[in-house]
Each structure stands twice: as C-alpha cells, then as structure tokens.
C-alpha atoms as a PDB file:
ATOM      1  CA  MET A   1    -106.556  46.812  -3.833  1.00  0.00           C
ATOM      2  CA  ALA A   2    -109.875  48.915  -3.709  1.00  0.00           C
ATOM      3  CA  LYS A   3    -110.510  48.386  -0.211  1.00  0.00           C
ATOM      4  CA  LYS A   4    -107.411  48.769   0.885  1.00  0.00           C
ATOM      5  CA  ALA A   5    -107.566  52.351  -0.531  1.00  0.00           C
ATOM      6  CA  GLU A   6    -111.096  53.317   1.242  1.00  0.00           C
ATOM      7  CA  ALA A   7    -109.568  51.188   4.474  1.00  0.00           C
ATOM      8  CA  ALA A   8    -106.501  54.125   4.420  1.00  0.00           C
ATOM      9  CA  GLY A   9    -108.910  56.288   3.678  1.00  0.00           C
ATOM     10  CA  LYS A  10    -108.172  57.688   0.152  1.00  0.00           C
ATOM     11  CA  PRO A  11    -109.975  56.461  -3.349  1.00  0.00           C
ATOM     12  CA  GLU A  12    -108.399  55.130  -5.959  1.00  0.00           C
ATOM     13  CA  ALA A  13    -107.405  56.282  -8.982  1.00  0.00           C
ATOM     14  CA  ALA A  14    -109.164  54.835 -12.029  1.00  0.00           C
ATOM     15  CA  LYS A  15    -106.501  53.812 -14.225  1.00  0.00           C
ATOM     16  CA  PRO A  16    -106.366  54.376 -17.923  1.00  0.00           C
ATOM     17  CA  PRO A  17    -106.394  51.085 -20.401  1.00  0.00           C
ATOM     18  CA  ALA A  18    -103.337  50.119 -21.067  1.00  0.00           C
ATOM     19  CA  LYS A  19    -102.351  51.286 -24.763  1.00  0.00           C
ATOM     20  CA  SER A  20    -101.167  48.731 -27.552  1.00  0.00           C
ATOM     21  CA  VAL A  21     -97.535  50.300 -28.817  1.00  0.00           C
ATOM     22  CA  ALA A  22     -96.331  48.905 -32.262  1.00  0.00           C
ATOM     23  CA  VAL A  23     -92.551  48.941 -31.457  1.00  0.00           C
ATOM     24  CA  THR A  24     -90.090  49.194 -35.257  1.00  0.00           C
ATOM     25  CA  PRO A  25     -87.062  47.892 -34.802  1.00  0.00           C
ATOM     26  CA  VAL A  26     -84.628  50.607 -35.437  1.00  0.00           C
ATOM     27  CA  ARG A  27     -80.804  49.858 -37.115  1.00  0.00           C
ATOM     28  CA  VAL A  28     -78.743  52.725 -35.457  1.00  0.00           C
ATOM     29  CA  LEU A  29     -75.516  53.174 -37.961  1.00  0.00           C
ATOM     30  CA  PRO A  30     -72.435  54.829 -36.101  1.00  0.00           C
ATOM     31  CA  PRO A  31     -72.529  58.077 -37.006  1.00  0.00           C
ATOM     32  CA  ALA A  32     -69.076  57.313 -39.496  1.00  0.00           C
ATOM     33  CA  ALA A  33     -70.170  54.461 -41.113  1.00  0.00           C
ATOM     34  CA  PRO A  34     -70.665  55.959 -44.302  1.00  0.00           C
ATOM     35  CA  VAL A  35     -67.324  57.128 -44.143  1.00  0.00           C
ATOM     36  CA  GLU A  36     -65.935  54.235 -43.182  1.00  0.00           C
ATOM     37  CA  SER A  37     -67.846  52.012 -46.216  1.00  0.00           C
ATOM     38  CA  GLU A  38     -66.804  54.224 -48.512  1.00  0.00           C
ATOM     39  CA  PHE A  39     -63.278  53.303 -47.276  1.00  0.00           C
ATOM     40  CA  ASP A  40     -63.693  50.159 -47.243  1.00  0.00           C
ATOM     41  CA  ARG A  41     -64.693  50.494 -51.174  1.00  0.00           C
ATOM     42  CA  ILE A  42     -62.021  52.279 -52.098  1.00  0.00           C
ATOM     43  CA  PHE A  43     -59.481  50.215 -50.589  1.00  0.00           C
ATOM     44  CA  ASP A  44     -61.074  47.228 -51.948  1.00  0.00           C
ATOM     45  CA  ARG A  45     -60.845  48.448 -55.476  1.00  0.00           C
ATOM     46  CA  MET A  46     -57.185  49.730 -54.763  1.00  0.00           C
ATOM     47  CA  LEU A  47     -56.266  46.280 -54.290  1.00  0.00           C
ATOM     48  CA  ASP A  48     -58.449  44.472 -56.710  1.00  0.00           C
ATOM     49  CA  ASP A  49     -56.720  46.882 -59.302  1.00  0.00           C
ATOM     50  CA  PHE A  50     -52.992  46.270 -57.665  1.00  0.00           C
ATOM     51  CA  ARG A  51     -53.052  42.681 -56.853  1.00  0.00           C
ATOM     52  CA  HIS A  52     -51.697  40.962 -60.891  1.00  0.00           C
ATOM     53  CA  PHE A  53     -49.005  43.804 -60.236  1.00  0.00           C
ATOM     54  CA  SER A  54     -45.876  44.458 -58.797  1.00  0.00           C
ATOM     55  CA  PHE A  55     -44.442  47.982 -58.186  1.00  0.00           C
ATOM     56  CA  PRO A  56     -41.704  49.536 -56.559  1.00  0.00           C
ATOM     57  CA  SER A  57     -41.647  49.636 -53.134  1.00  0.00           C
ATOM     58  CA  LEU A  58     -43.352  52.572 -51.159  1.00  0.00           C
ATOM     59  CA  LEU A  59     -40.238  53.547 -49.550  1.00  0.00           C
ATOM     60  CA  GLY A  60     -38.109  54.216 -52.273  1.00  0.00           C
ATOM     61  CA  PRO A  61     -36.919  56.805 -53.948  1.00  0.00           C
ATOM     62  CA  GLU A  62     -39.374  56.867 -56.802  1.00  0.00           C
ATOM     63  CA  ARG A  63     -42.809  58.033 -57.211  1.00  0.00           C
ATOM     64  CA  TRP A  64     -45.388  56.121 -58.556  1.00  0.00           C
ATOM     65  CA  TRP A  65     -48.862  57.265 -57.763  1.00  0.00           C
ATOM     66  CA  PRO A  66     -48.993  60.587 -58.962  1.00  0.00           C
ATOM     67  CA  SER A  67     -50.860  63.514 -56.974  1.00  0.00           C
ATOM     68  CA  ARG A  68     -54.719  63.839 -56.998  1.00  0.00           C
ATOM     69  CA  ALA A  69     -54.260  66.588 -59.060  1.00  0.00           C
ATOM     70  CA  LEU A  70     -52.065  65.421 -61.752  1.00  0.00           C
ATOM     71  CA  ARG A  71     -54.112  62.249 -62.507  1.00  0.00           C
ATOM     72  CA  MET A  72     -57.915  61.337 -63.961  1.00  0.00           C
ATOM     73  CA  GLN A  73     -59.997  59.213 -61.095  1.00  0.00           C
ATOM     74  CA  VAL A  74     -60.070  55.550 -62.739  1.00  0.00           C
ATOM     75  CA  PRO A  75     -63.250  54.850 -64.068  1.00  0.00           C
ATOM     76  CA  ALA A  76     -66.263  52.510 -62.137  1.00  0.00           C
ATOM     77  CA  VAL A  77     -67.140  49.709 -63.365  1.00  0.00           C
ATOM     78  CA  ASP A  78     -69.608  46.881 -63.403  1.00  0.00           C
ATOM     79  CA  VAL A  79     -68.403  43.059 -64.023  1.00  0.00           C
ATOM     80  CA  TYR A  80     -70.998  40.311 -64.369  1.00  0.00           C
ATOM     81  CA  GLU A  81     -71.623  37.318 -66.715  1.00  0.00           C
ATOM     82  CA  ASP A  82     -74.236  35.965 -68.447  1.00  0.00           C
ATOM     83  CA  LYS A  83     -74.480  32.544 -69.574  1.00  0.00           C
ATOM     84  CA  ASP A  84     -72.938  33.472 -72.746  1.00  0.00           C
ATOM     85  CA  ALA A  85     -70.402  36.322 -71.864  1.00  0.00           C
ATOM     86  CA  VAL A  86     -68.433  38.505 -69.020  1.00  0.00           C
ATOM     87  CA  VAL A  87     -69.559  42.011 -69.407  1.00  0.00           C
ATOM     88  CA  VAL A  88     -67.914  45.203 -68.413  1.00  0.00           C
ATOM     89  CA  LYS A  89     -69.680  48.607 -68.399  1.00  0.00           C
ATOM     90  CA  ALA A  90     -67.290  51.609 -67.375  1.00  0.00           C
ATOM     91  CA  ASP A  91     -68.556  54.887 -66.891  1.00  0.00           C
ATOM     92  CA  LEU A  92     -66.492  57.403 -69.316  1.00  0.00           C
ATOM     93  CA  PRO A  93     -68.310  60.634 -68.995  1.00  0.00           C
ATOM     94  CA  GLY A  94     -67.071  63.221 -70.895  1.00  0.00           C
ATOM     95  CA  MET A  95     -64.569  60.758 -73.139  1.00  0.00           C
ATOM     96  CA  SER A  96     -64.977  59.820 -76.822  1.00  0.00           C
ATOM     97  CA  LYS A  97     -64.085  56.805 -78.022  1.00  0.00           C
ATOM     98  CA  ASP A  98     -60.631  58.206 -79.569  1.00  0.00           C
ATOM     99  CA  GLU A  99     -59.672  59.019 -76.318  1.00  0.00           C
ATOM    100  CA  ILE A 100     -60.105  55.315 -75.053  1.00  0.00           C
ATOM    101  CA  GLU A 101     -58.013  52.304 -75.217  1.00  0.00           C
ATOM    102  CA  VAL A 102     -59.404  48.588 -74.607  1.00  0.00           C
ATOM    103  CA  SER A 103     -56.598  45.698 -74.624  1.00  0.00           C
ATOM    104  CA  LEU A 104     -56.690  41.623 -73.810  1.00  0.00           C
ATOM    105  CA  THR A 105     -53.848  40.109 -72.267  1.00  0.00           C
ATOM    106  CA  GLY A 106     -54.418  36.675 -71.251  1.00  0.00           C
ATOM    107  CA  SER A 107     -57.356  36.866 -68.537  1.00  0.00           C
ATOM    108  CA  ALA A 108     -56.851  40.517 -67.976  1.00  0.00           C
ATOM    109  CA  LEU A 109     -58.934  43.411 -69.442  1.00  0.00           C
ATOM    110  CA  THR A 110     -56.993  46.646 -69.306  1.00  0.00           C
ATOM    111  CA  LEU A 111     -58.842  50.486 -70.387  1.00  0.00           C
ATOM    112  CA  LYS A 112     -56.613  53.287 -70.531  1.00  0.00           C
ATOM    113  CA  GLY A 113     -57.451  56.942 -71.810  1.00  0.00           C
ATOM    114  CA  GLU A 114     -56.225  60.373 -71.216  1.00  0.00           C
ATOM    115  CA  LYS A 115     -58.762  62.939 -70.855  1.00  0.00           C
ATOM    116  CA  ARG A 116     -57.695  66.279 -71.327  1.00  0.00           C
ATOM    117  CA  LYS A 117     -58.780  69.544 -70.739  1.00  0.00           C
ATOM    118  CA  ALA A 118     -60.479  71.399 -73.279  1.00  0.00           C
ATOM    119  CA  GLU A 119     -59.415  75.074 -72.782  1.00  0.00           C
ATOM    120  CA  GLU A 120     -57.625  76.744 -69.864  1.00  0.00           C
ATOM    121  CA  ILE A 121     -59.531  79.793 -68.220  1.00  0.00           C
ATOM    122  CA  LYS A 122     -56.596  82.424 -67.470  1.00  0.00           C
ATOM    123  CA  ASP A 123     -56.860  85.556 -65.845  1.00  0.00           C
ATOM    124  CA  HIS A 124     -59.714  84.739 -63.908  1.00  0.00           C
ATOM    125  CA  ASP A 125     -59.907  83.228 -59.970  1.00  0.00           C
ATOM    126  CA  TYR A 126     -61.039  79.673 -59.569  1.00  0.00           C
ATOM    127  CA  TYR A 127     -63.657  79.456 -56.621  1.00  0.00           C
ATOM    128  CA  ARG A 128     -63.484  75.608 -57.244  1.00  0.00           C
ATOM    129  CA  SER A 129     -62.226  72.994 -59.189  1.00  0.00           C
ATOM    130  CA  GLU A 130     -63.449  69.426 -59.227  1.00  0.00           C
ATOM    131  CA  ARG A 131     -63.211  68.544 -62.601  1.00  0.00           C
ATOM    132  CA  SER A 132     -60.289  65.563 -62.924  1.00  0.00           C
ATOM    133  CA  TYR A 133     -58.143  65.209 -66.025  1.00  0.00           C
ATOM    134  CA  GLY A 134     -55.820  63.290 -66.831  1.00  0.00           C
ATOM    135  CA  ALA A 135     -54.498  59.763 -67.528  1.00  0.00           C
ATOM    136  CA  PHE A 136     -55.850  56.723 -66.087  1.00  0.00           C
ATOM    137  CA  SER A 137     -55.355  52.805 -66.812  1.00  0.00           C
ATOM    138  CA  ARG A 138     -57.363  50.144 -65.153  1.00  0.00           C
ATOM    139  CA  THR A 139     -56.973  46.633 -65.370  1.00  0.00           C
ATOM    140  CA  LEU A 140     -59.449  43.828 -64.494  1.00  0.00           C
ATOM    141  CA  ALA A 141     -59.383  40.181 -64.175  1.00  0.00           C
ATOM    142  CA  LEU A 142     -61.522  38.847 -65.927  1.00  0.00           C
ATOM    143  CA  PRO A 143     -63.850  35.664 -63.578  1.00  0.00           C
ATOM    144  CA  ALA A 144     -63.686  33.128 -66.851  1.00  0.00           C
ATOM    145  CA  ASP A 145     -61.703  32.119 -70.020  1.00  0.00           C
ATOM    146  CA  ILE A 146     -62.934  34.019 -73.238  1.00  0.00           C
ATOM    147  CA  LYS A 147     -62.992  33.487 -76.762  1.00  0.00           C
ATOM    148  CA  SER A 148     -60.454  36.869 -77.194  1.00  0.00           C
ATOM    149  CA  ASP A 149     -61.231  36.275 -81.258  1.00  0.00           C
ATOM    150  CA  GLN A 150     -64.776  37.457 -80.347  1.00  0.00           C
ATOM    151  CA  VAL A 151     -64.220  40.688 -78.285  1.00  0.00           C
ATOM    152  CA  THR A 152     -67.073  43.552 -78.934  1.00  0.00           C
ATOM    153  CA  ALA A 153     -66.924  46.865 -77.480  1.00  0.00           C
ATOM    154  CA  SER A 154     -69.259  49.955 -77.790  1.00  0.00           C
ATOM    155  CA  PHE A 155     -69.787  53.723 -76.601  1.00  0.00           C
ATOM    156  CA  LYS A 156     -72.446  55.384 -76.135  1.00  0.00           C
ATOM    157  CA  ASP A 157     -73.859  58.089 -73.519  1.00  0.00           C
ATOM    158  CA  GLY A 158     -70.103  58.023 -71.790  1.00  0.00           C
ATOM    159  CA  VAL A 159     -71.039  54.636 -70.453  1.00  0.00           C
ATOM    160  CA  LEU A 160     -68.283  51.917 -72.666  1.00  0.00           C
ATOM    161  CA  GLU A 161     -69.742  48.355 -72.595  1.00  0.00           C
ATOM    162  CA  ILE A 162     -67.115  45.448 -73.695  1.00  0.00           C
ATOM    163  CA  ARG A 163     -68.915  41.920 -73.931  1.00  0.00           C
ATOM    164  CA  LEU A 164     -66.255  38.720 -74.173  1.00  0.00           C
ATOM    165  CA  PRO A 165     -67.853  35.943 -74.933  1.00  0.00           C
ATOM    166  CA  LYS A 166     -66.996  32.910 -73.144  1.00  0.00           C
ATOM    167  CA  THR A 167     -65.513  29.911 -74.083  1.00  0.00           C
ATOM    168  CA  GLU A 168     -67.369  26.277 -73.961  1.00  0.00           C
ATOM    169  CA  GLU A 169     -65.786  25.166 -71.060  1.00  0.00           C
ATOM    170  CA  ALA A 170     -66.055  28.256 -69.600  1.00  0.00           C
ATOM    171  CA  LYS A 171     -69.736  28.543 -69.689  1.00  0.00           C
ATOM    172  CA  LYS A 172     -71.829  27.633 -66.685  1.00  0.00           C
ATOM    173  CA  LYS A 173     -73.978  24.054 -66.891  1.00  0.00           C
ATOM    174  CA  GLN A 174     -76.967  24.139 -64.866  1.00  0.00           C
ATOM    175  CA  ILE A 175     -77.264  21.007 -62.831  1.00  0.00           C
ATOM    176  CA  LYS A 176     -80.840  20.563 -61.230  1.00  0.00           C
ATOM    177  CA  VAL A 177     -79.826  19.224 -57.689  1.00  0.00           C
ATOM    178  CA  ALA A 178     -83.134  17.415 -55.803  1.00  0.00           C
ATOM    179  CA  VAL A 179     -84.117  18.637 -52.531  1.00  0.00           C
ATOM    180  CA  GLN A 180     -85.352  16.143 -50.199  1.00  0.00           C
END
C-alpha cells in the first residue's frame, strides 16, 4: 500500500497502534421499569391476600374497599420456613402489642390491628400528611401443616414474629440424590 500511496505522490500517514477496549455489558431498563415492578409487587400481594375469600361484586352497591385516607396499609410480611417451623415476620411500626390480634383458622393465619392517631392537631395547616392510621387485616395461607397448640408470637421494635411449628409429616425430609 505504501508503494501505491508514493506512486500517487502522497505519503502514507502513519497509523496509530490499535487500542484494546474492554466492553462491559450494560442492561438498560426502560424508564418505567421501577414503577412496573412496584405495581407487579402490589398486585401480587393483593391477589395473594384475596384469593381465599369471596367479596361482594366490585360493580355492586357495596363499597367494601375503604378509601386510602381511612385505612392503614396492610403490613409488609416475610414468610419462610426452616426445618422445624414456618416463620412469619410483620412490620408494624408505631404499634403496641395490645393493638395487635393474631388468629389461626385451619391453614390461614390472620393479623389484625388498628393504629390510632395519637393526637389531633387543630388550628394548623398541614403541608403533608403521609402517616397512615386505621384498621388493617391480613390473612396469609400457610405453606405447611402446623401444630396449632404450639404457636408462639413475640413483638419487639415494631416487628411481630410468629413461629408456627410444623407437624412431623410436614417437616421436609432431605433425600440425597446421586449425580451421575
């Protein structure tokens, strides 16, 4: 090539050495992805809470779903199982143990409570009011058969922990499978 460039009367320009560049794959999420995942989480939770019960028709004259201003949001929960028990942890900040009711019916665990407004501020203009007050009820389907006479609950630092010991039949037995 150098000979062709010289023959044409033009000197060949020196090429810089090639640089190696590391390329890191980037996962680009659409701008609405966080909102969509939050809606998915909310609807999954809602459907999980309501699949065991029948409610009046949404189109009927009854209003069974109170407005957000009148109800406390249902508490966030973790449900997991270890080798001996199913464990439920519920976030109930700002509540006392006397305001919480835990009941067990068959394989459904129900948490109920009411968070009351401590004081009513009069003659003031609110700029923002986001704290929720009111009653809540949340029923969870249990993933295993439990010993209902041995259920324990404790409440500390706004977290309710319920331990539901599993029956012997419900305890998972580990079977070792040989990999070939």
